[in-house]
PDB file of N, CA and C in Angstrom:
ATOM      1  N   MET A   1       0.849  -1.174   0.000  1.00  0.00           N
ATOM      2  CA  MET A   1       0.000   0.000   0.000  1.00  0.00           C
ATOM      3  C   MET A   1       0.899   1.243   0.000  1.00  0.00           C
ATOM      4  N   PRO A   2       0.640   2.201  -0.891  1.00  0.00           N
ATOM      5  CA  PRO A   2       1.488   3.396  -0.952  1.00  0.00           C
ATOM      6  C   PRO A   2       1.227   4.345   0.209  1.00  0.00           C
ATOM      7  N   TRP A   3       2.230   5.164   0.471  1.00  0.00           N
ATOM      8  CA  TRP A   3       2.134   6.239   1.459  1.00  0.00           C
ATOM      9  C   TRP A   3       2.216   7.550   0.709  1.00  0.00           C
ATOM     10  N   TYR A   4       1.726   8.612   1.286  1.00  0.00           N
ATOM     11  CA  TYR A   4       1.699   9.910   0.635  1.00  0.00           C
ATOM     12  C   TYR A   4       2.311  10.968   1.552  1.00  0.00           C
ATOM     13  N   ASN A   5       3.147  11.822   0.992  1.00  0.00           N
ATOM     14  CA  ASN A   5       3.620  13.016   1.686  1.00  0.00           C
ATOM     15  C   ASN A   5       2.736  14.164   1.251  1.00  0.00           C
ATOM     16  N   ILE A   6       2.097  14.814   2.207  1.00  0.00           N
ATOM     17  CA  ILE A   6       1.161  15.886   1.907  1.00  0.00           C
ATOM     18  C   ILE A   6       1.623  17.146   2.630  1.00  0.00           C
ATOM     19  N   PRO A   7       1.947  18.223   1.890  1.00  0.00           N
ATOM     20  CA  PRO A   7       2.338  19.466   2.551  1.00  0.00           C
ATOM     21  C   PRO A   7       1.133  20.104   3.234  1.00  0.00           C
ATOM     22  N   VAL A   8       1.327  20.484   4.484  1.00  0.00           N
ATOM     23  CA  VAL A   8       0.238  21.084   5.252  1.00  0.00           C
ATOM     24  C   VAL A   8       0.719  22.359   5.937  1.00  0.00           C
ATOM     25  N   THR A   9      -0.233  23.202   6.290  1.00  0.00           N
ATOM     26  CA  THR A   9       0.057  24.400   7.070  1.00  0.00           C
ATOM     27  C   THR A   9      -0.944  24.488   8.209  1.00  0.00           C
ATOM     28  N   TRP A  10      -0.562  25.225   9.239  1.00  0.00           N
ATOM     29  CA  TRP A  10      -1.466  25.555  10.322  1.00  0.00           C
ATOM     30  C   TRP A  10      -0.944  26.793  11.020  1.00  0.00           C
ATOM     31  N   GLU A  11      -1.809  27.442  11.745  1.00  0.00           N
ATOM     32  CA  GLU A  11      -1.429  28.648  12.480  1.00  0.00           C
ATOM     33  C   GLU A  11      -1.254  28.309  13.947  1.00  0.00           C
ATOM     34  N   SER A  12      -0.393  29.074  14.583  1.00  0.00           N
ATOM     35  CA  SER A  12      -0.246  28.966  16.025  1.00  0.00           C
ATOM     36  C   SER A  12      -0.222  30.371  16.610  1.00  0.00           C
ATOM     37  N   TYR A  13      -0.492  30.447  17.900  1.00  0.00           N
ATOM     38  CA  TYR A  13      -0.555  31.724  18.584  1.00  0.00           C
ATOM     39  C   TYR A  13       0.369  31.670  19.789  1.00  0.00           C
ATOM     40  N   GLY A  14       1.196  32.667  19.929  1.00  0.00           N
ATOM     41  CA  GLY A  14       2.085  32.761  21.073  1.00  0.00           C
ATOM     42  C   GLY A  14       2.399  34.212  21.375  1.00  0.00           C
ATOM     43  N   VAL A  15       3.203  34.426  22.375  1.00  0.00           N
ATOM     44  CA  VAL A  15       3.571  35.776  22.793  1.00  0.00           C
ATOM     45  C   VAL A  15       5.092  35.860  22.866  1.00  0.00           C
ATOM     46  N   ILE A  16       5.653  36.935  22.324  1.00  0.00           N
ATOM     47  CA  ILE A  16       7.081  37.189  22.445  1.00  0.00           C
ATOM     48  C   ILE A  16       7.280  38.452  23.267  1.00  0.00           C
ATOM     49  N   GLU A  17       8.452  38.556  23.858  1.00  0.00           N
ATOM     50  CA  GLU A  17       8.807  39.766  24.589  1.00  0.00           C
ATOM     51  C   GLU A  17       9.867  40.508  23.796  1.00  0.00           C
ATOM     52  N   ILE A  18       9.703  41.818  23.700  1.00  0.00           N
ATOM     53  CA  ILE A  18      10.669  42.654  23.006  1.00  0.00           C
ATOM     54  C   ILE A  18      11.174  43.694  24.000  1.00  0.00           C
ATOM     55  N   GLU A  19      12.483  43.718  24.190  1.00  0.00           N
ATOM     56  CA  GLU A  19      13.075  44.707  25.070  1.00  0.00           C
ATOM     57  C   GLU A  19      13.383  45.964  24.274  1.00  0.00           C
ATOM     58  N   ALA A  20      12.942  47.106  24.797  1.00  0.00           N
ATOM     59  CA  ALA A  20      13.176  48.375  24.110  1.00  0.00           C
ATOM     60  C   ALA A  20      13.242  49.492  25.152  1.00  0.00           C
ATOM     61  N   GLU A  21      14.036  50.498  24.837  1.00  0.00           N
ATOM     62  CA  GLU A  21      14.188  51.650  25.729  1.00  0.00           C
ATOM     63  C   GLU A  21      12.935  52.514  25.763  1.00  0.00           C
ATOM     64  N   ASN A  22      12.198  52.538  24.647  1.00  0.00           N
ATOM     65  CA  ASN A  22      11.009  53.380  24.564  1.00  0.00           C
ATOM     66  C   ASN A  22      10.086  52.837  23.474  1.00  0.00           C
ATOM     67  N   GLU A  23       8.934  53.471  23.332  1.00  0.00           N
ATOM     68  CA  GLU A  23       7.949  52.990  22.362  1.00  0.00           C
ATOM     69  C   GLU A  23       8.457  53.102  20.927  1.00  0.00           C
ATOM     70  N   GLN A  24       9.216  54.136  20.618  1.00  0.00           N
ATOM     71  CA  GLN A  24       9.763  54.299  19.270  1.00  0.00           C
ATOM     72  C   GLN A  24      10.698  53.132  18.925  1.00  0.00           C
ATOM     73  N   GLU A  25      11.589  52.784  19.856  1.00  0.00           N
ATOM     74  CA  GLU A  25      12.499  51.655  19.619  1.00  0.00           C
ATOM     75  C   GLU A  25      11.723  50.353  19.503  1.00  0.00           C
ATOM     76  N   PHE A  26      10.678  50.221  20.307  1.00  0.00           N
ATOM     77  CA  PHE A  26       9.829  49.033  20.234  1.00  0.00           C
ATOM     78  C   PHE A  26       9.258  48.859  18.824  1.00  0.00           C
ATOM     79  N   TRP A  27       8.671  49.919  18.262  1.00  0.00           N
ATOM     80  CA  TRP A  27       8.047  49.825  16.936  1.00  0.00           C
ATOM     81  C   TRP A  27       9.085  49.595  15.843  1.00  0.00           C
ATOM     82  N   ILE A  28      10.276  50.116  16.008  1.00  0.00           N
ATOM     83  CA  ILE A  28      11.362  49.843  15.059  1.00  0.00           C
ATOM     84  C   ILE A  28      11.687  48.350  15.067  1.00  0.00           C
ATOM     85  N   LYS A  29      11.774  47.761  16.253  1.00  0.00           N
ATOM     86  CA  LYS A  29      12.075  46.325  16.358  1.00  0.00           C
ATOM     87  C   LYS A  29      10.945  45.475  15.792  1.00  0.00           C
ATOM     88  N   VAL A  30       9.703  45.871  16.040  1.00  0.00           N
ATOM     89  CA  VAL A  30       8.558  45.136  15.473  1.00  0.00           C
ATOM     90  C   VAL A  30       8.650  45.132  13.950  1.00  0.00           C
ATOM     91  N   LYS A  31       8.942  46.290  13.367  1.00  0.00           N
ATOM     92  CA  LYS A  31       9.067  46.391  11.914  1.00  0.00           C
ATOM     93  C   LYS A  31      10.206  45.499  11.404  1.00  0.00           C
ATOM     94  N   GLN A  32      11.322  45.468  12.111  1.00  0.00           N
ATOM     95  CA  GLN A  32      12.457  44.633  11.700  1.00  0.00           C
ATOM     96  C   GLN A  32      12.082  43.154  11.725  1.00  0.00           C
ATOM     97  N   TYR A  33      11.362  42.727  12.770  1.00  0.00           N
ATOM     98  CA  TYR A  33      10.945  41.322  12.858  1.00  0.00           C
ATOM     99  C   TYR A  33       9.972  40.960  11.739  1.00  0.00           C
ATOM    100  N   ARG A  34       9.116  41.905  11.351  1.00  0.00           N
ATOM    101  CA  ARG A  34       8.186  41.633  10.247  1.00  0.00           C
ATOM    102  C   ARG A  34       8.938  41.461   8.933  1.00  0.00           C
ATOM    103  N   GLU A  35      10.016  42.199   8.753  1.00  0.00           N
ATOM    104  CA  GLU A  35      10.795  42.133   7.518  1.00  0.00           C
ATOM    105  C   GLU A  35      11.766  40.947   7.504  1.00  0.00           C
ATOM    106  N   ASP A  36      12.304  40.595   8.676  1.00  0.00           N
ATOM    107  CA  ASP A  36      13.274  39.496   8.760  1.00  0.00           C
ATOM    108  C   ASP A  36      13.161  38.849  10.128  1.00  0.00           C
ATOM    109  N   ASP A  37      12.506  37.691  10.163  1.00  0.00           N
ATOM    110  CA  ASP A  37      12.298  37.025  11.448  1.00  0.00           C
ATOM    111  C   ASP A  37      13.368  35.981  11.766  1.00  0.00           C
ATOM    112  N   SER A  38      14.484  35.986  11.036  1.00  0.00           N
ATOM    113  CA  SER A  38      15.514  34.966  11.228  1.00  0.00           C
ATOM    114  C   SER A  38      16.155  35.017  12.614  1.00  0.00           C
ATOM    115  N   GLU A  39      16.161  36.177  13.248  1.00  0.00           N
ATOM    116  CA  GLU A  39      16.752  36.317  14.580  1.00  0.00           C
ATOM    117  C   GLU A  39      15.720  36.109  15.694  1.00  0.00           C
ATOM    118  N   LEU A  40      14.480  35.937  15.318  1.00  0.00           N
ATOM    119  CA  LEU A  40      13.399  35.834  16.286  1.00  0.00           C
ATOM    120  C   LEU A  40      13.324  34.421  16.857  1.00  0.00           C
ATOM    121  N   GLU A  41      13.327  34.319  18.166  1.00  0.00           N
ATOM    122  CA  GLU A  41      13.167  33.020  18.812  1.00  0.00           C
ATOM    123  C   GLU A  41      11.674  32.725  18.924  1.00  0.00           C
ATOM    124  N   LEU A  42      11.245  31.601  18.382  1.00  0.00           N
ATOM    125  CA  LEU A  42       9.822  31.277  18.392  1.00  0.00           C
ATOM    126  C   LEU A  42       9.362  30.965  19.813  1.00  0.00           C
ATOM    127  N   PRO A  43       8.203  31.470  20.177  1.00  0.00           N
ATOM    128  CA  PRO A  43       7.690  31.239  21.534  1.00  0.00           C
ATOM    129  C   PRO A  43       6.986  29.892  21.640  1.00  0.00           C
ATOM    130  N   ASP A  44       6.722  29.474  22.867  1.00  0.00           N
ATOM    131  CA  ASP A  44       5.795  28.364  23.050  1.00  0.00           C
ATOM    132  C   ASP A  44       4.467  28.836  22.479  1.00  0.00           C
ATOM    133  N   ALA A  45       3.813  27.974  21.752  1.00  0.00           N
ATOM    134  CA  ALA A  45       2.623  28.428  21.040  1.00  0.00           C
ATOM    135  C   ALA A  45       1.500  27.408  21.134  1.00  0.00           C
ATOM    136  N   GLU A  46       0.309  27.890  20.877  1.00  0.00           N
ATOM    137  CA  GLU A  46      -0.894  27.065  20.872  1.00  0.00           C
ATOM    138  C   GLU A  46      -1.449  26.998  19.459  1.00  0.00           C
ATOM    139  N   TYR A  47      -1.975  25.863  19.086  1.00  0.00           N
ATOM    140  CA  TYR A  47      -2.608  25.663  17.782  1.00  0.00           C
ATOM    141  C   TYR A  47      -3.861  26.518  17.671  1.00  0.00           C
ATOM    142  N   VAL A  48      -4.046  27.184  16.538  1.00  0.00           N
ATOM    143  CA  VAL A  48      -5.255  27.962  16.279  1.00  0.00           C
ATOM    144  C   VAL A  48      -6.291  27.016  15.678  1.00  0.00           C
ATOM    145  N   ASP A  49      -7.360  26.780  16.423  1.00  0.00           N
ATOM    146  CA  ASP A  49      -8.403  25.851  15.979  1.00  0.00           C
ATOM    147  C   ASP A  49      -8.884  26.181  14.575  1.00  0.00           C
ATOM    148  N   GLY A  50      -9.033  25.153  13.752  1.00  0.00           N
ATOM    149  CA  GLY A  50      -9.567  25.304  12.408  1.00  0.00           C
ATOM    150  C   GLY A  50      -8.588  25.818  11.377  1.00  0.00           C
ATOM    151  N   SER A  51      -7.304  25.940  11.735  1.00  0.00           N
ATOM    152  CA  SER A  51      -6.349  26.531  10.793  1.00  0.00           C
ATOM    153  C   SER A  51      -5.593  25.492   9.949  1.00  0.00           C
ATOM    154  N   PHE A  52      -5.759  24.213  10.214  1.00  0.00           N
ATOM    155  CA  PHE A  52      -5.039  23.161   9.483  1.00  0.00           C
ATOM    156  C   PHE A  52      -5.548  23.081   8.051  1.00  0.00           C
ATOM    157  N   GLU A  53      -4.615  23.129   7.082  1.00  0.00           N
ATOM    158  CA  GLU A  53      -4.984  23.057   5.662  1.00  0.00           C
ATOM    159  C   GLU A  53      -3.940  22.257   4.893  1.00  0.00           C
ATOM    160  N   ILE A  54      -4.378  21.641   3.802  1.00  0.00           N
ATOM    161  CA  ILE A  54      -3.438  21.073   2.840  1.00  0.00           C
ATOM    162  C   ILE A  54      -2.891  22.236   2.036  1.00  0.00           C
ATOM    163  N   ALA A  55      -1.566  22.363   2.014  1.00  0.00           N
ATOM    164  CA  ALA A  55      -0.933  23.569   1.488  1.00  0.00           C
ATOM    165  C   ALA A  55      -0.937  23.653  -0.031  1.00  0.00           C
ATOM    166  N   ASP A  56      -0.669  22.549  -0.695  1.00  0.00           N
ATOM    167  CA  ASP A  56      -0.454  22.636  -2.137  1.00  0.00           C
ATOM    168  C   ASP A  56      -0.714  21.266  -2.758  1.00  0.00           C
ATOM    169  N   ASP A  57      -1.855  21.102  -3.408  1.00  0.00           N
ATOM    170  CA  ASP A  57      -2.211  19.821  -4.013  1.00  0.00           C
ATOM    171  C   ASP A  57      -1.178  19.360  -5.039  1.00  0.00           C
ATOM    172  N   ASP A  58      -0.460  20.292  -5.677  1.00  0.00           N
ATOM    173  CA  ASP A  58       0.498  19.942  -6.715  1.00  0.00           C
ATOM    174  C   ASP A  58       1.759  19.275  -6.169  1.00  0.00           C
ATOM    175  N   ASN A  59       2.018  19.377  -4.870  1.00  0.00           N
ATOM    176  CA  ASN A  59       3.241  18.821  -4.299  1.00  0.00           C
ATOM    177  C   ASN A  59       3.021  17.570  -3.465  1.00  0.00           C
ATOM    178  N   ILE A  60       1.851  16.938  -3.607  1.00  0.00           N
ATOM    179  CA  ILE A  60       1.624  15.671  -2.906  1.00  0.00           C
ATOM    180  C   ILE A  60       2.476  14.609  -3.577  1.00  0.00           C
ATOM    181  N   MET A  61       3.241  13.887  -2.777  1.00  0.00           N
ATOM    182  CA  MET A  61       4.153  12.866  -3.305  1.00  0.00           C
ATOM    183  C   MET A  61       3.671  11.481  -2.903  1.00  0.00           C
ATOM    184  N   VAL A  62       3.651  10.552  -3.860  1.00  0.00           N
ATOM    185  CA  VAL A  62       3.309   9.171  -3.577  1.00  0.00           C
ATOM    186  C   VAL A  62       4.608   8.429  -3.288  1.00  0.00           C
ATOM    187  N   LEU A  63       4.661   7.746  -2.155  1.00  0.00           N
ATOM    188  CA  LEU A  63       5.829   6.946  -1.780  1.00  0.00           C
ATOM    189  C   LEU A  63       5.436   5.482  -1.827  1.00  0.00           C
ATOM    190  N   ASN A  64       6.399   4.614  -2.114  1.00  0.00           N
ATOM    191  CA  ASN A  64       6.062   3.196  -2.032  1.00  0.00           C
ATOM    192  C   ASN A  64       6.175   2.755  -0.577  1.00  0.00           C
ATOM    193  N   GLU A  65       5.737   1.543  -0.284  1.00  0.00           N
ATOM    194  CA  GLU A  65       5.690   1.095   1.108  1.00  0.00           C
ATOM    195  C   GLU A  65       7.076   1.038   1.745  1.00  0.00           C
ATOM    196  N   PHE A  66       8.138   0.945   0.939  1.00  0.00           N
ATOM    197  CA  PHE A  66       9.478   0.872   1.498  1.00  0.00           C
ATOM    198  C   PHE A  66      10.009   2.256   1.889  1.00  0.00           C
ATOM    199  N   ASP A  67       9.358   3.306   1.375  1.00  0.00           N
ATOM    200  CA  ASP A  67       9.762   4.665   1.692  1.00  0.00           C
ATOM    201  C   ASP A  67       9.017   5.247   2.887  1.00  0.00           C
ATOM    202  N   LYS A  68       8.160   4.446   3.507  1.00  0.00           N
ATOM    203  CA  LYS A  68       7.373   4.939   4.639  1.00  0.00           C
ATOM    204  C   LYS A  68       8.321   5.452   5.728  1.00  0.00           C
ATOM    205  N   PRO A  69       8.117   6.684   6.177  1.00  0.00           N
ATOM    206  CA  PRO A  69       8.988   7.213   7.228  1.00  0.00           C
ATOM    207  C   PRO A  69       8.724   6.530   8.562  1.00  0.00           C
ATOM    208  N   GLU A  70       9.756   6.398   9.336  1.00  0.00           N
ATOM    209  CA  GLU A  70       9.602   5.864  10.679  1.00  0.00           C
ATOM    210  C   GLU A  70       9.007   6.953  11.569  1.00  0.00           C
ATOM    211  N   LYS A  71       8.337   6.536  12.618  1.00  0.00           N
ATOM    212  CA  LYS A  71       7.734   7.507  13.540  1.00  0.00           C
ATOM    213  C   LYS A  71       8.818   8.432  14.060  1.00  0.00           C
ATOM    214  N   GLY A  72       8.565   9.730  13.996  1.00  0.00           N
ATOM    215  CA  GLY A  72       9.517  10.716  14.474  1.00  0.00           C
ATOM    216  C   GLY A  72      10.482  11.212  13.412  1.00  0.00           C
ATOM    217  N   ASP A  73      10.433  10.673  12.200  1.00  0.00           N
ATOM    218  CA  ASP A  73      11.334  11.095  11.129  1.00  0.00           C
ATOM    219  C   ASP A  73      10.850  12.349  10.394  1.00  0.00           C
ATOM    220  N   PHE A  74       9.673  12.833  10.729  1.00  0.00           N
ATOM    221  CA  PHE A  74       9.155  13.990  10.018  1.00  0.00           C
ATOM    222  C   PHE A  74       8.633  15.017  10.945  1.00  0.00           C
TER     223      PHE A  74
END
């Protein structure tokens, strides 16, 4: 029996803390994180109910039974 890799997305909700000297510096940092979040440490987050979706029908991959991933491999 074949296995399928299906790309999915979902939303999560969490809270981050931003240290800033004043409100102006705070908004500058918020803007920087929106433009480049590579330095942002992801917070503990909660799943947003109803947000799970199949991301892209064109990228569903059929695997044979020998390609089945082991639990925890994905």
